[in-house]
């Protein structure tokens, strides 16, 4: 399996604001790498393609989809290992919902993920 860094380099595009985003179909492989390497996700934002480039999904899909963005905070008594596992579960649940909506809308979808490097 490729490392987190290798996967990230090969899976990113640049959105209209110059930020790195990841194609939806490549995200679960990156999450698996995060599990192995102990990397927690602090959250994610959803993007889609438009004539202006890759933009926030809710600006094209409608404001009801603004809530698809998610975040995870580390609890005060939570170890880095516990947070890493919990944050990935939160991300997997959110991304599964995003995948369903993206498929239903037939839109190319990207995620901007915010990572916290931890040592397990």
PDB file of N, CA and C in Angstrom:
ATOM      1  N   UNK A   1       0.841  -1.184   0.000  1.00  0.00           N
ATOM      2  CA  UNK A   1       0.000   0.000   0.000  1.00  0.00           C
ATOM      3  C   UNK A   1       0.882   1.242   0.000  1.00  0.00           C
ATOM      4  N   UNK A   2       0.441   2.243  -0.736  1.00  0.00           N
ATOM      5  CA  UNK A   2       1.189   3.491  -0.797  1.00  0.00           C
ATOM      6  C   UNK A   2       1.054   4.246   0.518  1.00  0.00           C
ATOM      7  N   UNK A   3       2.034   5.072   0.828  1.00  0.00           N
ATOM      8  CA  UNK A   3       1.979   5.861   2.050  1.00  0.00           C
ATOM      9  C   UNK A   3       0.979   6.996   1.898  1.00  0.00           C
ATOM     10  N   UNK A   4       0.606   7.566   3.029  1.00  0.00           N
ATOM     11  CA  UNK A   4      -0.303   8.711   3.052  1.00  0.00           C
ATOM     12  C   UNK A   4       0.217   9.822   2.151  1.00  0.00           C
ATOM     13  N   UNK A   5       1.474  10.162   2.275  1.00  0.00           N
ATOM     14  CA  UNK A   5       2.067  11.248   1.478  1.00  0.00           C
ATOM     15  C   UNK A   5       2.017  10.949  -0.010  1.00  0.00           C
ATOM     16  N   UNK A   6       2.330   9.712  -0.390  1.00  0.00           N
ATOM     17  CA  UNK A   6       2.297   9.328  -1.801  1.00  0.00           C
ATOM     18  C   UNK A   6       0.880   9.430  -2.367  1.00  0.00           C
ATOM     19  N   UNK A   7      -0.092   8.923  -1.604  1.00  0.00           N
ATOM     20  CA  UNK A   7      -1.485   8.977  -2.053  1.00  0.00           C
ATOM     21  C   UNK A   7      -1.962  10.408  -2.197  1.00  0.00           C
ATOM     22  N   UNK A   8      -1.604  11.234  -1.230  1.00  0.00           N
ATOM     23  CA  UNK A   8      -2.057  12.626  -1.246  1.00  0.00           C
ATOM     24  C   UNK A   8      -1.505  13.372  -2.456  1.00  0.00           C
ATOM     25  N   UNK A   9      -0.235  13.161  -2.761  1.00  0.00           N
ATOM     26  CA  UNK A   9       0.394  13.832  -3.905  1.00  0.00           C
ATOM     27  C   UNK A   9      -0.280  13.464  -5.219  1.00  0.00           C
ATOM     28  N   UNK A  10      -0.668  12.195  -5.360  1.00  0.00           N
ATOM     29  CA  UNK A  10      -1.239  11.724  -6.623  1.00  0.00           C
ATOM     30  C   UNK A  10      -2.741  11.965  -6.735  1.00  0.00           C
ATOM     31  N   UNK A  11      -3.386  12.352  -5.640  1.00  0.00           N
ATOM     32  CA  UNK A  11      -4.841  12.437  -5.630  1.00  0.00           C
ATOM     33  C   UNK A  11      -5.397  13.851  -5.577  1.00  0.00           C
ATOM     34  N   UNK A  12      -4.554  14.856  -5.553  1.00  0.00           N
ATOM     35  CA  UNK A  12      -5.060  16.213  -5.369  1.00  0.00           C
ATOM     36  C   UNK A  12      -5.170  17.004  -6.671  1.00  0.00           C
ATOM     37  N   UNK A  13      -6.127  17.912  -6.655  1.00  0.00           N
ATOM     38  CA  UNK A  13      -6.305  18.921  -7.696  1.00  0.00           C
ATOM     39  C   UNK A  13      -6.367  20.255  -6.968  1.00  0.00           C
ATOM     40  N   UNK A  14      -6.373  21.334  -7.707  1.00  0.00           N
ATOM     41  CA  UNK A  14      -6.464  22.657  -7.102  1.00  0.00           C
ATOM     42  C   UNK A  14      -7.828  23.245  -7.419  1.00  0.00           C
ATOM     43  N   UNK A  15      -8.495  23.768  -6.362  1.00  0.00           N
ATOM     44  CA  UNK A  15      -9.822  24.358  -6.579  1.00  0.00           C
ATOM     45  C   UNK A  15      -9.696  25.815  -7.024  1.00  0.00           C
ATOM     46  N   UNK A  16     -10.838  26.471  -7.211  1.00  0.00           N
ATOM     47  CA  UNK A  16     -10.861  27.848  -7.710  1.00  0.00           C
ATOM     48  C   UNK A  16     -10.157  28.825  -6.777  1.00  0.00           C
ATOM     49  N   UNK A  17     -10.072  28.481  -5.485  1.00  0.00           N
ATOM     50  CA  UNK A  17      -9.419  29.356  -4.508  1.00  0.00           C
ATOM     51  C   UNK A  17      -7.942  29.009  -4.306  1.00  0.00           C
ATOM     52  N   UNK A  18      -7.439  28.029  -5.073  1.00  0.00           N
ATOM     53  CA  UNK A  18      -6.041  27.641  -4.967  1.00  0.00           C
ATOM     54  C   UNK A  18      -5.748  26.610  -3.887  1.00  0.00           C
ATOM     55  N   UNK A  19      -6.791  26.028  -3.297  1.00  0.00           N
ATOM     56  CA  UNK A  19      -6.605  25.014  -2.257  1.00  0.00           C
ATOM     57  C   UNK A  19      -6.544  23.621  -2.886  1.00  0.00           C
ATOM     58  N   UNK A  20      -5.865  22.714  -2.217  1.00  0.00           N
ATOM     59  CA  UNK A  20      -5.775  21.336  -2.688  1.00  0.00           C
ATOM     60  C   UNK A  20      -7.028  20.569  -2.279  1.00  0.00           C
ATOM     61  N   UNK A  21      -7.632  19.883  -3.232  1.00  0.00           N
ATOM     62  CA  UNK A  21      -8.803  19.053  -2.975  1.00  0.00           C
ATOM     63  C   UNK A  21      -8.544  17.653  -3.527  1.00  0.00           C
ATOM     64  N   UNK A  22      -9.290  16.689  -3.005  1.00  0.00           N
ATOM     65  CA  UNK A  22      -9.107  15.287  -3.353  1.00  0.00           C
ATOM     66  C   UNK A  22     -10.371  14.781  -4.042  1.00  0.00           C
ATOM     67  N   UNK A  23     -10.195  14.067  -5.138  1.00  0.00           N
ATOM     68  CA  UNK A  23     -11.341  13.480  -5.832  1.00  0.00           C
ATOM     69  C   UNK A  23     -12.045  12.497  -4.893  1.00  0.00           C
ATOM     70  N   UNK A  24     -13.362  12.557  -4.882  1.00  0.00           N
ATOM     71  CA  UNK A  24     -14.159  11.729  -3.977  1.00  0.00           C
ATOM     72  C   UNK A  24     -13.824  10.249  -4.105  1.00  0.00           C
ATOM     73  N   UNK A  25     -13.609   9.775  -5.329  1.00  0.00           N
ATOM     74  CA  UNK A  25     -13.355   8.339  -5.528  1.00  0.00           C
ATOM     75  C   UNK A  25     -11.993   7.888  -4.993  1.00  0.00           C
ATOM     76  N   UNK A  26     -11.156   8.802  -4.552  1.00  0.00           N
ATOM     77  CA  UNK A  26      -9.839   8.447  -4.011  1.00  0.00           C
ATOM     78  C   UNK A  26      -9.745   8.634  -2.501  1.00  0.00           C
ATOM     79  N   UNK A  27     -10.807   9.149  -1.895  1.00  0.00           N
ATOM     80  CA  UNK A  27     -10.755   9.511  -0.478  1.00  0.00           C
ATOM     81  C   UNK A  27     -10.668   8.292   0.435  1.00  0.00           C
ATOM     82  N   UNK A  28     -11.412   7.229   0.156  1.00  0.00           N
ATOM     83  CA  UNK A  28     -11.413   6.083   1.074  1.00  0.00           C
ATOM     84  C   UNK A  28     -10.047   5.407   1.142  1.00  0.00           C
ATOM     85  N   UNK A  29      -9.311   5.396   0.047  1.00  0.00           N
ATOM     86  CA  UNK A  29      -7.948   4.855   0.070  1.00  0.00           C
ATOM     87  C   UNK A  29      -7.055   5.715   0.964  1.00  0.00           C
ATOM     88  N   UNK A  30      -7.249   7.011   0.919  1.00  0.00           N
ATOM     89  CA  UNK A  30      -6.485   7.914   1.781  1.00  0.00           C
ATOM     90  C   UNK A  30      -6.869   7.699   3.243  1.00  0.00           C
ATOM     91  N   UNK A  31      -8.157   7.473   3.521  1.00  0.00           N
ATOM     92  CA  UNK A  31      -8.584   7.208   4.896  1.00  0.00           C
ATOM     93  C   UNK A  31      -7.946   5.926   5.428  1.00  0.00           C
ATOM     94  N   UNK A  32      -7.857   4.903   4.596  1.00  0.00           N
ATOM     95  CA  UNK A  32      -7.196   3.658   5.026  1.00  0.00           C
ATOM     96  C   UNK A  32      -5.741   3.927   5.402  1.00  0.00           C
ATOM     97  N   UNK A  33      -5.086   4.742   4.616  1.00  0.00           N
ATOM     98  CA  UNK A  33      -3.707   5.104   4.915  1.00  0.00           C
ATOM     99  C   UNK A  33      -3.626   5.889   6.221  1.00  0.00           C
ATOM    100  N   UNK A  34      -4.603   6.760   6.459  1.00  0.00           N
ATOM    101  CA  UNK A  34      -4.646   7.518   7.722  1.00  0.00           C
ATOM    102  C   UNK A  34      -4.765   6.576   8.913  1.00  0.00           C
ATOM    103  N   UNK A  35      -5.597   5.545   8.778  1.00  0.00           N
ATOM    104  CA  UNK A  35      -5.755   4.560   9.855  1.00  0.00           C
ATOM    105  C   UNK A  35      -4.419   3.908  10.188  1.00  0.00           C
ATOM    106  N   UNK A  36      -3.712   3.490   9.157  1.00  0.00           N
ATOM    107  CA  UNK A  36      -2.437   2.799   9.336  1.00  0.00           C
ATOM    108  C   UNK A  36      -1.389   3.716   9.951  1.00  0.00           C
ATOM    109  N   UNK A  37      -1.342   4.966   9.479  1.00  0.00           N
ATOM    110  CA  UNK A  37      -0.292   5.891   9.913  1.00  0.00           C
ATOM    111  C   UNK A  37      -0.680   6.739  11.122  1.00  0.00           C
ATOM    112  N   UNK A  38      -1.906   6.568  11.631  1.00  0.00           N
ATOM    113  CA  UNK A  38      -2.323   7.303  12.822  1.00  0.00           C
ATOM    114  C   UNK A  38      -2.569   8.778  12.587  1.00  0.00           C
ATOM    115  N   UNK A  39      -3.130   9.105  11.448  1.00  0.00           N
ATOM    116  CA  UNK A  39      -3.389  10.499  11.107  1.00  0.00           C
ATOM    117  C   UNK A  39      -4.873  10.787  11.315  1.00  0.00           C
ATOM    118  N   UNK A  40      -5.165  11.764  12.157  1.00  0.00           N
ATOM    119  CA  UNK A  40      -6.547  12.143  12.436  1.00  0.00           C
ATOM    120  C   UNK A  40      -7.015  13.179  11.422  1.00  0.00           C
ATOM    121  N   UNK A  41      -8.318  13.209  11.206  1.00  0.00           N
ATOM    122  CA  UNK A  41      -8.922  14.220  10.341  1.00  0.00           C
ATOM    123  C   UNK A  41      -9.664  15.218  11.218  1.00  0.00           C
ATOM    124  N   UNK A  42      -9.341  16.477  11.052  1.00  0.00           N
ATOM    125  CA  UNK A  42     -10.016  17.523  11.810  1.00  0.00           C
ATOM    126  C   UNK A  42     -11.322  17.935  11.146  1.00  0.00           C
ATOM    127  N   UNK A  43     -11.470  17.638   9.840  1.00  0.00           N
ATOM    128  CA  UNK A  43     -12.709  17.963   9.149  1.00  0.00           C
ATOM    129  C   UNK A  43     -12.542  17.961   7.653  1.00  0.00           C
ATOM    130  N   UNK A  44     -13.632  18.329   6.984  1.00  0.00           N
ATOM    131  CA  UNK A  44     -13.594  18.364   5.536  1.00  0.00           C
ATOM    132  C   UNK A  44     -14.669  19.256   4.952  1.00  0.00           C
ATOM    133  N   UNK A  45     -14.378  19.809   3.801  1.00  0.00           N
ATOM    134  CA  UNK A  45     -15.308  20.642   3.053  1.00  0.00           C
ATOM    135  C   UNK A  45     -15.562  19.996   1.700  1.00  0.00           C
ATOM    136  N   UNK A  46     -16.770  20.173   1.185  1.00  0.00           N
ATOM    137  CA  UNK A  46     -17.203  19.521  -0.041  1.00  0.00           C
ATOM    138  C   UNK A  46     -17.188  20.525  -1.199  1.00  0.00           C
ATOM    139  N   UNK A  47     -16.622  20.086  -2.323  1.00  0.00           N
ATOM    140  CA  UNK A  47     -16.513  20.910  -3.532  1.00  0.00           C
ATOM    141  C   UNK A  47     -17.075  20.155  -4.723  1.00  0.00           C
ATOM    142  N   UNK A  48     -17.451  20.902  -5.760  1.00  0.00           N
ATOM    143  CA  UNK A  48     -17.916  20.309  -7.011  1.00  0.00           C
ATOM    144  C   UNK A  48     -17.421  21.158  -8.172  1.00  0.00           C
ATOM    145  N   UNK A  49     -17.546  20.625  -9.374  1.00  0.00           N
ATOM    146  CA  UNK A  49     -17.099  21.358 -10.555  1.00  0.00           C
ATOM    147  C   UNK A  49     -18.197  22.283 -11.066  1.00  0.00           C
ATOM    148  N   UNK A  50     -17.779  23.424 -11.569  1.00  0.00           N
ATOM    149  CA  UNK A  50     -18.690  24.367 -12.224  1.00  0.00           C
ATOM    150  C   UNK A  50     -17.918  25.029 -13.355  1.00  0.00           C
ATOM    151  N   UNK A  51     -18.577  25.918 -14.075  1.00  0.00           N
ATOM    152  CA  UNK A  51     -17.881  26.636 -15.147  1.00  0.00           C
ATOM    153  C   UNK A  51     -16.768  27.528 -14.606  1.00  0.00           C
ATOM    154  N   UNK A  52     -16.797  27.815 -13.307  1.00  0.00           N
ATOM    155  CA  UNK A  52     -15.760  28.640 -12.668  1.00  0.00           C
ATOM    156  C   UNK A  52     -14.628  27.794 -12.086  1.00  0.00           C
ATOM    157  N   UNK A  53     -14.698  26.494 -12.250  1.00  0.00           N
ATOM    158  CA  UNK A  53     -13.693  25.604 -11.683  1.00  0.00           C
ATOM    159  C   UNK A  53     -14.290  24.781 -10.551  1.00  0.00           C
ATOM    160  N   UNK A  54     -13.455  24.363  -9.643  1.00  0.00           N
ATOM    161  CA  UNK A  54     -13.893  23.564  -8.498  1.00  0.00           C
ATOM    162  C   UNK A  54     -14.268  24.524  -7.375  1.00  0.00           C
ATOM    163  N   UNK A  55     -15.550  24.523  -6.999  1.00  0.00           N
ATOM    164  CA  UNK A  55     -16.084  25.477  -6.025  1.00  0.00           C
ATOM    165  C   UNK A  55     -16.819  24.739  -4.899  1.00  0.00           C
ATOM    166  N   UNK A  56     -17.112  25.450  -3.805  1.00  0.00           N
ATOM    167  CA  UNK A  56     -17.880  24.860  -2.702  1.00  0.00           C
ATOM    168  C   UNK A  56     -19.172  24.265  -3.255  1.00  0.00           C
ATOM    169  N   UNK A  57     -19.454  23.031  -2.894  1.00  0.00           N
ATOM    170  CA  UNK A  57     -20.598  22.309  -3.460  1.00  0.00           C
ATOM    171  C   UNK A  57     -21.927  23.006  -3.198  1.00  0.00           C
ATOM    172  N   UNK A  58     -22.107  23.544  -2.018  1.00  0.00           N
ATOM    173  CA  UNK A  58     -23.409  24.138  -1.699  1.00  0.00           C
ATOM    174  C   UNK A  58     -23.730  25.354  -2.576  1.00  0.00           C
ATOM    175  N   UNK A  59     -22.710  25.977  -3.188  1.00  0.00           N
ATOM    176  CA  UNK A  59     -22.986  27.116  -4.071  1.00  0.00           C
ATOM    177  C   UNK A  59     -23.616  26.664  -5.388  1.00  0.00           C
ATOM    178  N   UNK A  60     -23.433  25.395  -5.743  1.00  0.00           N
ATOM    179  CA  UNK A  60     -24.023  24.827  -6.957  1.00  0.00           C
ATOM    180  C   UNK A  60     -25.225  23.945  -6.603  1.00  0.00           C
ATOM    181  N   UNK A  61     -25.084  23.127  -5.572  1.00  0.00           N
ATOM    182  CA  UNK A  61     -26.119  22.161  -5.205  1.00  0.00           C
ATOM    183  C   UNK A  61     -27.260  22.798  -4.418  1.00  0.00           C
ATOM    184  N   UNK A  62     -27.004  23.939  -3.774  1.00  0.00           N
ATOM    185  CA  UNK A  62     -28.002  24.597  -2.935  1.00  0.00           C
ATOM    186  C   UNK A  62     -27.575  24.621  -1.482  1.00  0.00           C
ATOM    187  N   UNK A  63     -28.066  25.617  -0.752  1.00  0.00           N
ATOM    188  CA  UNK A  63     -27.652  25.814   0.643  1.00  0.00           C
ATOM    189  C   UNK A  63     -28.008  24.661   1.576  1.00  0.00           C
ATOM    190  N   UNK A  64     -28.985  23.839   1.216  1.00  0.00           N
ATOM    191  CA  UNK A  64     -29.328  22.712   2.095  1.00  0.00           C
ATOM    192  C   UNK A  64     -28.168  21.718   2.205  1.00  0.00           C
ATOM    193  N   UNK A  65     -27.211  21.803   1.282  1.00  0.00           N
ATOM    194  CA  UNK A  65     -26.055  20.895   1.322  1.00  0.00           C
ATOM    195  C   UNK A  65     -24.852  21.492   2.058  1.00  0.00           C
ATOM    196  N   UNK A  66     -25.011  22.681   2.600  1.00  0.00           N
ATOM    197  CA  UNK A  66     -23.911  23.308   3.357  1.00  0.00           C
ATOM    198  C   UNK A  66     -23.516  22.442   4.550  1.00  0.00           C
ATOM    199  N   UNK A  67     -24.477  21.722   5.115  1.00  0.00           N
ATOM    200  CA  UNK A  67     -24.214  20.903   6.304  1.00  0.00           C
ATOM    201  C   UNK A  67     -23.407  19.640   6.001  1.00  0.00           C
ATOM    202  N   UNK A  68     -23.071  19.388   4.744  1.00  0.00           N
ATOM    203  CA  UNK A  68     -22.251  18.222   4.420  1.00  0.00           C
ATOM    204  C   UNK A  68     -20.811  18.391   4.897  1.00  0.00           C
ATOM    205  N   UNK A  69     -20.356  19.620   5.062  1.00  0.00           N
ATOM    206  CA  UNK A  69     -19.027  19.854   5.635  1.00  0.00           C
ATOM    207  C   UNK A  69     -19.043  19.341   7.064  1.00  0.00           C
ATOM    208  N   UNK A  70     -17.934  18.796   7.529  1.00  0.00           N
ATOM    209  CA  UNK A  70     -17.899  18.230   8.881  1.00  0.00           C
ATOM    210  C   UNK A  70     -16.587  18.576   9.572  1.00  0.00           C
ATOM    211  N   UNK A  71     -16.574  18.331  10.897  1.00  0.00           N
ATOM    212  CA  UNK A  71     -15.358  18.539  11.684  1.00  0.00           C
ATOM    213  C   UNK A  71     -15.356  17.583  12.867  1.00  0.00           C
ATOM    214  N   UNK A  72     -14.196  17.405  13.454  1.00  0.00           N
ATOM    215  CA  UNK A  72     -14.033  16.589  14.661  1.00  0.00           C
ATOM    216  C   UNK A  72     -13.030  17.279  15.568  1.00  0.00           C
ATOM    217  N   UNK A  73     -13.380  17.383  16.832  1.00  0.00           N
ATOM    218  CA  UNK A  73     -12.484  17.963  17.829  1.00  0.00           C
ATOM    219  C   UNK A  73     -12.014  16.876  18.778  1.00  0.00           C
ATOM    220  N   UNK A  74     -10.774  16.952  19.179  1.00  0.00           N
ATOM    221  CA  UNK A  74     -10.246  15.993  20.136  1.00  0.00           C
ATOM    222  C   UNK A  74     -10.760  16.345  21.523  1.00  0.00           C
ATOM    223  N   UNK A  75     -11.305  15.341  22.209  1.00  0.00           N
ATOM    224  CA  UNK A  75     -11.823  15.533  23.566  1.00  0.00           C
ATOM    225  C   UNK A  75     -10.654  15.659  24.547  1.00  0.00           C
ATOM    226  N   UNK A  76     -10.862  16.367  25.662  1.00  0.00           N
ATOM    227  CA  UNK A  76      -9.763  16.606  26.612  1.00  0.00           C
ATOM    228  C   UNK A  76      -9.068  15.331  27.112  1.00  0.00           C
ATOM    229  N   UNK A  77      -9.817  14.272  27.377  1.00  0.00           N
ATOM    230  CA  UNK A  77      -9.217  13.044  27.913  1.00  0.00           C
ATOM    231  C   UNK A  77      -8.986  11.975  26.853  1.00  0.00           C
ATOM    232  N   UNK A  78      -9.118  12.342  25.600  1.00  0.00           N
ATOM    233  CA  UNK A  78      -8.987  11.405  24.491  1.00  0.00           C
ATOM    234  C   UNK A  78      -7.527  11.336  24.039  1.00  0.00           C
ATOM    235  N   UNK A  79      -6.998  10.123  23.912  1.00  0.00           N
ATOM    236  CA  UNK A  79      -5.624   9.976  23.429  1.00  0.00           C
ATOM    237  C   UNK A  79      -5.576  10.268  21.931  1.00  0.00           C
ATOM    238  N   UNK A  80      -4.381  10.497  21.415  1.00  0.00           N
ATOM    239  CA  UNK A  80      -4.223  10.711  19.981  1.00  0.00           C
ATOM    240  C   UNK A  80      -4.733   9.509  19.186  1.00  0.00           C
ATOM    241  N   UNK A  81      -4.469   8.313  19.680  1.00  0.00           N
ATOM    242  CA  UNK A  81      -4.925   7.089  19.009  1.00  0.00           C
ATOM    243  C   UNK A  81      -6.456   7.041  18.956  1.00  0.00           C
ATOM    244  N   UNK A  82      -7.092   7.300  20.092  1.00  0.00           N
ATOM    245  CA  UNK A  82      -8.555   7.293  20.144  1.00  0.00           C
ATOM    246  C   UNK A  82      -9.143   8.343  19.204  1.00  0.00           C
ATOM    247  N   UNK A  83      -8.549   9.536  19.225  1.00  0.00           N
ATOM    248  CA  UNK A  83      -9.049  10.604  18.363  1.00  0.00           C
ATOM    249  C   UNK A  83      -8.872  10.257  16.885  1.00  0.00           C
ATOM    250  N   UNK A  84      -7.739   9.691  16.542  1.00  0.00           N
ATOM    251  CA  UNK A  84      -7.500   9.305  15.159  1.00  0.00           C
ATOM    252  C   UNK A  84      -8.584   8.345  14.678  1.00  0.00           C
ATOM    253  N   UNK A  85      -8.862   7.309  15.471  1.00  0.00           N
ATOM    254  CA  UNK A  85      -9.875   6.325  15.084  1.00  0.00           C
ATOM    255  C   UNK A  85     -11.270   6.940  15.022  1.00  0.00           C
ATOM    256  N   UNK A  86     -11.610   7.758  16.017  1.00  0.00           N
ATOM    257  CA  UNK A  86     -12.943   8.376  16.048  1.00  0.00           C
ATOM    258  C   UNK A  86     -13.115   9.369  14.896  1.00  0.00           C
ATOM    259  N   UNK A  87     -12.088  10.159  14.635  1.00  0.00           N
ATOM    260  CA  UNK A  87     -12.203  11.160  13.562  1.00  0.00           C
ATOM    261  C   UNK A  87     -12.349  10.493  12.197  1.00  0.00           C
ATOM    262  N   UNK A  88     -11.715   9.361  12.009  1.00  0.00           N
ATOM    263  CA  UNK A  88     -11.849   8.637  10.739  1.00  0.00           C
ATOM    264  C   UNK A  88     -13.249   8.044  10.609  1.00  0.00           C
ATOM    265  N   UNK A  89     -13.810   7.546  11.721  1.00  0.00           N
ATOM    266  CA  UNK A  89     -15.188   7.032  11.675  1.00  0.00           C
ATOM    267  C   UNK A  89     -16.166   8.155  11.315  1.00  0.00           C
ATOM    268  N   UNK A  90     -15.959   9.333  11.901  1.00  0.00           N
ATOM    269  CA  UNK A  90     -16.808  10.483  11.585  1.00  0.00           C
ATOM    270  C   UNK A  90     -16.676  10.829  10.104  1.00  0.00           C
ATOM    271  N   UNK A  91     -15.439  10.855   9.612  1.00  0.00           N
ATOM    272  CA  UNK A  91     -15.187  11.177   8.199  1.00  0.00           C
ATOM    273  C   UNK A  91     -15.828  10.142   7.283  1.00  0.00           C
ATOM    274  N   UNK A  92     -15.684   8.861   7.602  1.00  0.00           N
ATOM    275  CA  UNK A  92     -16.261   7.802   6.760  1.00  0.00           C
ATOM    276  C   UNK A  92     -17.779   7.944   6.667  1.00  0.00           C
ATOM    277  N   UNK A  93     -18.416   8.247   7.784  1.00  0.00           N
ATOM    278  CA  UNK A  93     -19.876   8.423   7.787  1.00  0.00           C
ATOM    279  C   UNK A  93     -20.262   9.619   6.918  1.00  0.00           C
ATOM    280  N   UNK A  94     -19.571  10.733   7.101  1.00  0.00           N
ATOM    281  CA  UNK A  94     -19.867  11.945   6.319  1.00  0.00           C
ATOM    282  C   UNK A  94     -19.616  11.706   4.834  1.00  0.00           C
ATOM    283  N   UNK A  95     -18.504  11.074   4.504  1.00  0.00           N
ATOM    284  CA  UNK A  95     -18.131  10.869   3.105  1.00  0.00           C
ATOM    285  C   UNK A  95     -19.075   9.888   2.416  1.00  0.00           C
ATOM    286  N   UNK A  96     -19.558   8.897   3.151  1.00  0.00           N
ATOM    287  CA  UNK A  96     -20.542   7.970   2.582  1.00  0.00           C
ATOM    288  C   UNK A  96     -21.807   8.721   2.193  1.00  0.00           C
ATOM    289  N   UNK A  97     -22.259   9.634   3.038  1.00  0.00           N
ATOM    290  CA  UNK A  97     -23.430  10.454   2.714  1.00  0.00           C
ATOM    291  C   UNK A  97     -23.147  11.355   1.506  1.00  0.00           C
ATOM    292  N   UNK A  98     -21.972  11.958   1.484  1.00  0.00           N
ATOM    293  CA  UNK A  98     -21.577  12.818   0.359  1.00  0.00           C
ATOM    294  C   UNK A  98     -21.545  12.015  -0.938  1.00  0.00           C
ATOM    295  N   UNK A  99     -21.005  10.822  -0.864  1.00  0.00           N
ATOM    296  CA  UNK A  99     -20.927   9.938  -2.033  1.00  0.00           C
ATOM    297  C   UNK A  99     -22.332   9.643  -2.576  1.00  0.00           C
ATOM    298  N   UNK A 100     -23.266   9.373  -1.685  1.00  0.00           N
ATOM    299  CA  UNK A 100     -24.647   9.084  -2.086  1.00  0.00           C
ATOM    300  C   UNK A 100     -25.277  10.296  -2.784  1.00  0.00           C
ATOM    301  N   UNK A 101     -25.129  11.471  -2.187  1.00  0.00           N
ATOM    302  CA  UNK A 101     -25.709  12.691  -2.754  1.00  0.00           C
ATOM    303  C   UNK A 101     -25.046  13.037  -4.079  1.00  0.00           C
ATOM    304  N   UNK A 102     -23.741  12.929  -4.134  1.00  0.00           N
ATOM    305  CA  UNK A 102     -22.996  13.227  -5.363  1.00  0.00           C
ATOM    306  C   UNK A 102     -23.457  12.326  -6.504  1.00  0.00           C
ATOM    307  N   UNK A 103     -23.651  11.061  -6.203  1.00  0.00           N
ATOM    308  CA  UNK A 103     -24.120  10.101  -7.209  1.00  0.00           C
ATOM    309  C   UNK A 103     -25.531  10.455  -7.674  1.00  0.00           C
ATOM    310  N   UNK A 104     -26.381  10.788  -6.725  1.00  0.00           N
ATOM    311  CA  UNK A 104     -27.766  11.157  -7.035  1.00  0.00           C
ATOM    312  C   UNK A 104     -27.816  12.407  -7.923  1.00  0.00           C
ATOM    313  N   UNK A 105     -26.947  13.382  -7.629  1.00  0.00           N
ATOM    314  CA  UNK A 105     -26.914  14.622  -8.399  1.00  0.00           C
ATOM    315  C   UNK A 105     -26.082  14.508  -9.680  1.00  0.00           C
ATOM    316  N   UNK A 106     -25.343  13.397  -9.796  1.00  0.00           N
ATOM    317  CA  UNK A 106     -24.469  13.153 -10.950  1.00  0.00           C
ATOM    318  C   UNK A 106     -23.445  14.286 -11.127  1.00  0.00           C
ATOM    319  N   UNK A 107     -22.779  14.625 -10.021  1.00  0.00           N
ATOM    320  CA  UNK A 107     -21.798  15.704 -10.010  1.00  0.00           C
ATOM    321  C   UNK A 107     -20.420  15.155  -9.636  1.00  0.00           C
ATOM    322  N   UNK A 108     -19.373  15.700 -10.258  1.00  0.00           N
ATOM    323  CA  UNK A 108     -18.015  15.377  -9.838  1.00  0.00           C
ATOM    324  C   UNK A 108     -17.774  16.086  -8.514  1.00  0.00           C
ATOM    325  N   UNK A 109     -17.273  15.344  -7.548  1.00  0.00           N
ATOM    326  CA  UNK A 109     -17.161  15.865  -6.193  1.00  0.00           C
ATOM    327  C   UNK A 109     -15.737  15.710  -5.675  1.00  0.00           C
ATOM    328  N   UNK A 110     -15.321  16.694  -4.893  1.00  0.00           N
ATOM    329  CA  UNK A 110     -13.980  16.748  -4.317  1.00  0.00           C
ATOM    330  C   UNK A 110     -14.097  17.128  -2.850  1.00  0.00           C
ATOM    331  N   UNK A 111     -13.098  16.747  -2.079  1.00  0.00           N
ATOM    332  CA  UNK A 111     -13.077  17.101  -0.667  1.00  0.00           C
ATOM    333  C   UNK A 111     -11.767  17.802  -0.331  1.00  0.00           C
ATOM    334  N   UNK A 112     -11.885  18.817   0.476  1.00  0.00           N
ATOM    335  CA  UNK A 112     -10.704  19.414   1.102  1.00  0.00           C
ATOM    336  C   UNK A 112     -10.675  18.836   2.507  1.00  0.00           C
ATOM    337  N   UNK A 113      -9.654  18.067   2.818  1.00  0.00           N
ATOM    338  CA  UNK A 113      -9.516  17.440   4.126  1.00  0.00           C
ATOM    339  C   UNK A 113      -8.471  18.163   4.951  1.00  0.00           C
ATOM    340  N   UNK A 114      -8.763  18.305   6.239  1.00  0.00           N
ATOM    341  CA  UNK A 114      -7.821  18.920   7.169  1.00  0.00           C
ATOM    342  C   UNK A 114      -7.312  17.806   8.081  1.00  0.00           C
ATOM    343  N   UNK A 115      -6.011  17.574   8.050  1.00  0.00           N
ATOM    344  CA  UNK A 115      -5.390  16.475   8.784  1.00  0.00           C
ATOM    345  C   UNK A 115      -4.648  16.975  10.013  1.00  0.00           C
ATOM    346  N   UNK A 116      -4.614  16.125  11.033  1.00  0.00           N
ATOM    347  CA  UNK A 116      -3.755  16.346  12.205  1.00  0.00           C
ATOM    348  C   UNK A 116      -2.836  15.147  12.273  1.00  0.00           C
ATOM    349  N   UNK A 117      -1.540  15.366  12.196  1.00  0.00           N
ATOM    350  CA  UNK A 117      -0.598  14.270  12.291  1.00  0.00           C
ATOM    351  C   UNK A 117      -0.434  13.887  13.752  1.00  0.00           C
ATOM    352  N   UNK A 118      -0.584  12.598  14.020  1.00  0.00           N
ATOM    353  CA  UNK A 118      -0.416  12.100  15.376  1.00  0.00           C
ATOM    354  C   UNK A 118       0.563  10.948  15.373  1.00  0.00           C
ATOM    355  N   UNK A 119       1.067  10.632  16.522  1.00  0.00           N
ATOM    356  CA  UNK A 119       1.953   9.467  16.609  1.00  0.00           C
ATOM    357  C   UNK A 119       1.260   8.417  17.451  1.00  0.00           C
ATOM    358  N   UNK A 120       1.078   7.240  16.852  1.00  0.00           N
ATOM    359  CA  UNK A 120       0.401   6.137  17.560  1.00  0.00           C
ATOM    360  C   UNK A 120       1.442   5.124  17.968  1.00  0.00           C
TER     361      UNK A 120
END
